[in-house]
Amino acid sequence: MRYICPAVLLISSVCFAQTSQPPATPDEMQYLRFLLLNVASLDHSPDAVKAFEDSLVKQFGLNAQESQAIHSTGQTLRPVLAQLRQSSRAIVTGKALLAPADLAALADLDVQREQRIGILANQILNSVSAQTAARLRAPGHRLANAMKKN
């Protein structure tokens, strides 16, 4: 019996490793960032966010589990965005000019946001099927290719 638990853990880690996706490339992050910021938007109404999520189901052929994974990841990002917004407002409130320290603090908040978005984007890619992950990566490549042509 005591050998069953390690065996189950070993098998589950092997299964996870097989389904783990490579991290999103900078091109892929362009679209995944857009997707996450829309799902986690502080400015859009809940109905608008729901409509966007519903469009993702149709556009990418998401099943219920994949749709829920994207939704919950957006919900994870939402309070982070709210906190970062609050922090940035605290830095700029009542100031006509920003000091270099203020600018550095704002830049740090941007870095924090982008790092969190990157982590969550990769979390989405690892929580959907390989086929869905490939479909979610494609718009970033198309956008990058279109930008290179211009």
C-alpha atoms as a PDB file:
ATOM      1  CA  MET A   1       0.000   0.000   0.000  1.00  0.00           C
ATOM      2  CA  ARG A   2       2.789   2.426   0.813  1.00  0.00           C
ATOM      3  CA  TYR A   3       4.206   1.961  -2.696  1.00  0.00           C
ATOM      4  CA  ILE A   4       0.929   2.872  -4.367  1.00  0.00           C
ATOM      5  CA  CYS A   5       1.106   6.577  -3.452  1.00  0.00           C
ATOM      6  CA  PRO A   6       4.589   7.148  -4.895  1.00  0.00           C
ATOM      7  CA  ALA A   7       3.606   5.183  -8.000  1.00  0.00           C
ATOM      8  CA  VAL A   8       0.477   7.288  -8.486  1.00  0.00           C
ATOM      9  CA  LEU A   9       2.480  10.491  -7.999  1.00  0.00           C
ATOM     10  CA  LEU A  10       5.089   9.334 -10.499  1.00  0.00           C
ATOM     11  CA  ILE A  11       2.484   8.410 -13.092  1.00  0.00           C
ATOM     12  CA  SER A  12       0.601  11.684 -12.631  1.00  0.00           C
ATOM     13  CA  SER A  13       3.804  13.705 -12.975  1.00  0.00           C
ATOM     14  CA  VAL A  14       4.657  11.842 -16.189  1.00  0.00           C
ATOM     15  CA  CYS A  15       1.162  12.494 -17.534  1.00  0.00           C
ATOM     16  CA  PHE A  16       1.462  16.174 -16.638  1.00  0.00           C
ATOM     17  CA  ALA A  17       4.843  16.420 -18.321  1.00  0.00           C
ATOM     18  CA  GLN A  18       3.373  14.964 -21.487  1.00  0.00           C
ATOM     19  CA  THR A  19       0.613  17.573 -21.615  1.00  0.00           C
ATOM     20  CA  SER A  20       2.792  20.528 -20.612  1.00  0.00           C
ATOM     21  CA  GLN A  21       3.002  23.121 -23.371  1.00  0.00           C
ATOM     22  CA  PRO A  22       6.103  25.141 -24.227  1.00  0.00           C
ATOM     23  CA  PRO A  23       5.914  28.727 -22.970  1.00  0.00           C
ATOM     24  CA  ALA A  24       4.231  31.281 -25.195  1.00  0.00           C
ATOM     25  CA  THR A  25       6.574  33.120 -27.543  1.00  0.00           C
ATOM     26  CA  PRO A  26       6.561  36.935 -27.645  1.00  0.00           C
ATOM     27  CA  ASP A  27       4.436  36.785 -30.823  1.00  0.00           C
ATOM     28  CA  GLU A  28       1.918  34.445 -29.171  1.00  0.00           C
ATOM     29  CA  MET A  29       1.831  36.635 -26.061  1.00  0.00           C
ATOM     30  CA  GLN A  30       0.454  39.519 -28.115  1.00  0.00           C
ATOM     31  CA  TYR A  31      -2.865  37.736 -28.577  1.00  0.00           C
ATOM     32  CA  LEU A  32      -2.887  35.932 -25.235  1.00  0.00           C
ATOM     33  CA  ARG A  33      -2.350  39.274 -23.487  1.00  0.00           C
ATOM     34  CA  PHE A  34      -5.284  40.744 -25.412  1.00  0.00           C
ATOM     35  CA  LEU A  35      -7.419  37.743 -24.489  1.00  0.00           C
ATOM     36  CA  LEU A  36      -6.556  37.910 -20.784  1.00  0.00           C
ATOM     37  CA  LEU A  37      -7.003  41.664 -20.485  1.00  0.00           C
ATOM     38  CA  ASN A  38     -10.462  41.382 -22.032  1.00  0.00           C
ATOM     39  CA  VAL A  39     -11.526  38.492 -19.813  1.00  0.00           C
ATOM     40  CA  ALA A  40     -10.171  40.265 -16.706  1.00  0.00           C
ATOM     41  CA  SER A  41     -11.248  43.771 -17.715  1.00  0.00           C
ATOM     42  CA  LEU A  42     -12.064  46.182 -14.922  1.00  0.00           C
ATOM     43  CA  ASP A  43     -13.702  48.539 -17.403  1.00  0.00           C
ATOM     44  CA  HIS A  44     -16.020  46.273 -19.399  1.00  0.00           C
ATOM     45  CA  SER A  45     -19.413  45.263 -18.116  1.00  0.00           C
ATOM     46  CA  PRO A  46     -19.890  41.643 -17.019  1.00  0.00           C
ATOM     47  CA  ASP A  47     -22.179  41.186 -20.042  1.00  0.00           C
ATOM     48  CA  ALA A  48     -19.445  42.397 -22.404  1.00  0.00           C
ATOM     49  CA  VAL A  49     -16.910  40.050 -20.805  1.00  0.00           C
ATOM     50  CA  LYS A  50     -19.370  37.153 -21.073  1.00  0.00           C
ATOM     51  CA  ALA A  51     -19.986  37.966 -24.746  1.00  0.00           C
ATOM     52  CA  PHE A  52     -16.237  37.993 -25.367  1.00  0.00           C
ATOM     53  CA  GLU A  53     -15.820  34.654 -23.597  1.00  0.00           C
ATOM     54  CA  ASP A  54     -18.699  33.204 -25.617  1.00  0.00           C
ATOM     55  CA  SER A  55     -17.013  34.393 -28.812  1.00  0.00           C
ATOM     56  CA  LEU A  56     -13.832  32.565 -27.744  1.00  0.00           C
ATOM     57  CA  VAL A  57     -15.823  29.336 -27.446  1.00  0.00           C
ATOM     58  CA  LYS A  58     -17.013  29.713 -31.034  1.00  0.00           C
ATOM     59  CA  GLN A  59     -13.746  31.040 -32.457  1.00  0.00           C
ATOM     60  CA  PHE A  60     -11.493  28.388 -30.920  1.00  0.00           C
ATOM     61  CA  GLY A  61     -13.915  25.485 -30.452  1.00  0.00           C
ATOM     62  CA  LEU A  62     -13.464  25.458 -26.685  1.00  0.00           C
ATOM     63  CA  ASN A  63     -15.168  22.797 -24.629  1.00  0.00           C
ATOM     64  CA  ALA A  64     -16.778  23.691 -21.291  1.00  0.00           C
ATOM     65  CA  GLN A  65     -13.655  22.813 -19.288  1.00  0.00           C
ATOM     66  CA  GLU A  66     -11.395  24.945 -21.500  1.00  0.00           C
ATOM     67  CA  SER A  67     -13.827  27.848 -21.422  1.00  0.00           C
ATOM     68  CA  GLN A  68     -13.960  27.625 -17.631  1.00  0.00           C
ATOM     69  CA  ALA A  69     -10.150  27.527 -17.440  1.00  0.00           C
ATOM     70  CA  ILE A  70      -9.895  30.765 -19.419  1.00  0.00           C
ATOM     71  CA  HIS A  71     -12.660  32.376 -17.368  1.00  0.00           C
ATOM     72  CA  SER A  72     -11.097  31.427 -14.036  1.00  0.00           C
ATOM     73  CA  THR A  73      -7.661  32.585 -15.175  1.00  0.00           C
ATOM     74  CA  GLY A  74      -9.168  35.945 -16.060  1.00  0.00           C
ATOM     75  CA  GLN A  75     -10.815  36.070 -12.657  1.00  0.00           C
ATOM     76  CA  THR A  76      -7.399  35.427 -11.106  1.00  0.00           C
ATOM     77  CA  LEU A  77      -5.936  38.368 -13.019  1.00  0.00           C
ATOM     78  CA  ARG A  78      -8.771  40.764 -12.217  1.00  0.00           C
ATOM     79  CA  PRO A  79      -7.813  41.540  -8.565  1.00  0.00           C
ATOM     80  CA  VAL A  80      -4.164  41.876  -9.604  1.00  0.00           C
ATOM     81  CA  LEU A  81      -5.155  44.497 -12.172  1.00  0.00           C
ATOM     82  CA  ALA A  82      -7.301  46.275  -9.579  1.00  0.00           C
ATOM     83  CA  GLN A  83      -4.421  46.379  -7.098  1.00  0.00           C
ATOM     84  CA  LEU A  84      -1.976  47.625  -9.726  1.00  0.00           C
ATOM     85  CA  ARG A  85      -4.445  50.313 -10.789  1.00  0.00           C
ATOM     86  CA  GLN A  86      -4.887  51.408  -7.186  1.00  0.00           C
ATOM     87  CA  SER A  87      -1.114  51.512  -6.681  1.00  0.00           C
ATOM     88  CA  SER A  88      -0.567  53.579  -9.827  1.00  0.00           C
ATOM     89  CA  ARG A  89      -3.283  56.038  -8.798  1.00  0.00           C
ATOM     90  CA  ALA A  90      -1.634  56.418  -5.393  1.00  0.00           C
ATOM     91  CA  ILE A  91       1.648  57.278  -7.120  1.00  0.00           C
ATOM     92  CA  VAL A  92       0.210  59.975  -9.410  1.00  0.00           C
ATOM     93  CA  THR A  93      -2.575  61.466  -7.297  1.00  0.00           C
ATOM     94  CA  GLY A  94      -2.067  65.165  -6.599  1.00  0.00           C
ATOM     95  CA  LYS A  95       1.100  65.485  -8.645  1.00  0.00           C
ATOM     96  CA  ALA A  96       1.483  67.815 -11.598  1.00  0.00           C
ATOM     97  CA  LEU A  97       4.934  66.382 -12.390  1.00  0.00           C
ATOM     98  CA  LEU A  98       6.246  62.948 -11.580  1.00  0.00           C
ATOM     99  CA  ALA A  99       9.632  62.513  -9.979  1.00  0.00           C
ATOM    100  CA  PRO A 100      12.063  59.944 -11.357  1.00  0.00           C
ATOM    101  CA  ALA A 101      11.207  57.692  -8.400  1.00  0.00           C
ATOM    102  CA  ASP A 102       7.512  57.907  -9.344  1.00  0.00           C
ATOM    103  CA  LEU A 103       8.292  57.006 -12.948  1.00  0.00           C
ATOM    104  CA  ALA A 104      10.396  54.070 -11.771  1.00  0.00           C
ATOM    105  CA  ALA A 105       7.577  52.898  -9.500  1.00  0.00           C
ATOM    106  CA  LEU A 106       5.086  53.081 -12.384  1.00  0.00           C
ATOM    107  CA  ALA A 107       7.477  51.167 -14.631  1.00  0.00           C
ATOM    108  CA  ASP A 108       7.814  48.513 -11.923  1.00  0.00           C
ATOM    109  CA  LEU A 109       4.022  48.170 -11.783  1.00  0.00           C
ATOM    110  CA  ASP A 110       3.978  47.642 -15.558  1.00  0.00           C
ATOM    111  CA  VAL A 111       6.629  44.939 -15.240  1.00  0.00           C
ATOM    112  CA  GLN A 112       4.612  43.229 -12.498  1.00  0.00           C
ATOM    113  CA  ARG A 113       1.489  43.280 -14.678  1.00  0.00           C
ATOM    114  CA  GLU A 114       3.266  41.859 -17.708  1.00  0.00           C
ATOM    115  CA  GLN A 115       4.958  39.133 -15.657  1.00  0.00           C
ATOM    116  CA  ARG A 116       1.626  38.071 -14.176  1.00  0.00           C
ATOM    117  CA  ILE A 117      -0.009  38.082 -17.609  1.00  0.00           C
ATOM    118  CA  GLY A 118       2.811  35.894 -18.935  1.00  0.00           C
ATOM    119  CA  ILE A 119       2.408  33.401 -16.098  1.00  0.00           C
ATOM    120  CA  LEU A 120      -1.361  33.233 -16.575  1.00  0.00           C
ATOM    121  CA  ALA A 121      -1.140  32.990 -20.367  1.00  0.00           C
ATOM    122  CA  ASN A 122       1.101  29.960 -20.011  1.00  0.00           C
ATOM    123  CA  GLN A 123      -1.257  28.570 -17.399  1.00  0.00           C
ATOM    124  CA  ILE A 124      -4.071  28.770 -19.960  1.00  0.00           C
ATOM    125  CA  LEU A 125      -1.968  26.988 -22.578  1.00  0.00           C
ATOM    126  CA  ASN A 126      -1.289  24.191 -20.083  1.00  0.00           C
ATOM    127  CA  SER A 127      -4.928  23.865 -19.033  1.00  0.00           C
ATOM    128  CA  VAL A 128      -6.376  23.305 -22.519  1.00  0.00           C
ATOM    129  CA  SER A 129      -5.835  20.512 -25.022  1.00  0.00           C
ATOM    130  CA  ALA A 130      -2.793  20.632 -27.278  1.00  0.00           C
ATOM    131  CA  GLN A 131      -5.048  21.348 -30.262  1.00  0.00           C
ATOM    132  CA  THR A 132      -6.745  24.252 -28.496  1.00  0.00           C
ATOM    133  CA  ALA A 133      -3.386  25.596 -27.332  1.00  0.00           C
ATOM    134  CA  ALA A 134      -2.197  25.594 -30.946  1.00  0.00           C
ATOM    135  CA  ARG A 135      -5.341  27.460 -32.008  1.00  0.00           C
ATOM    136  CA  LEU A 136      -4.825  30.025 -29.199  1.00  0.00           C
ATOM    137  CA  ARG A 137      -1.213  30.562 -30.269  1.00  0.00           C
ATOM    138  CA  ALA A 138      -2.052  31.147 -33.960  1.00  0.00           C
ATOM    139  CA  PRO A 139      -3.497  34.702 -33.816  1.00  0.00           C
ATOM    140  CA  GLY A 140      -0.256  36.023 -32.340  1.00  0.00           C
ATOM    141  CA  HIS A 141       1.696  34.562 -35.244  1.00  0.00           C
ATOM    142  CA  ARG A 142      -0.734  35.986 -37.791  1.00  0.00           C
ATOM    143  CA  LEU A 143      -0.510  39.422 -36.190  1.00  0.00           C
ATOM    144  CA  ALA A 144       3.283  39.325 -36.086  1.00  0.00           C
ATOM    145  CA  ASN A 145       3.470  38.216 -39.729  1.00  0.00           C
ATOM    146  CA  ALA A 146       1.087  40.999 -40.779  1.00  0.00           C
ATOM    147  CA  MET A 147       3.192  43.553 -38.929  1.00  0.00           C
ATOM    148  CA  LYS A 148       6.378  42.307 -40.600  1.00  0.00           C
ATOM    149  CA  LYS A 149       4.805  42.776 -44.052  1.00  0.00           C
ATOM    150  CA  ASN A 150       3.978  46.434 -43.358  1.00  0.00           C
END
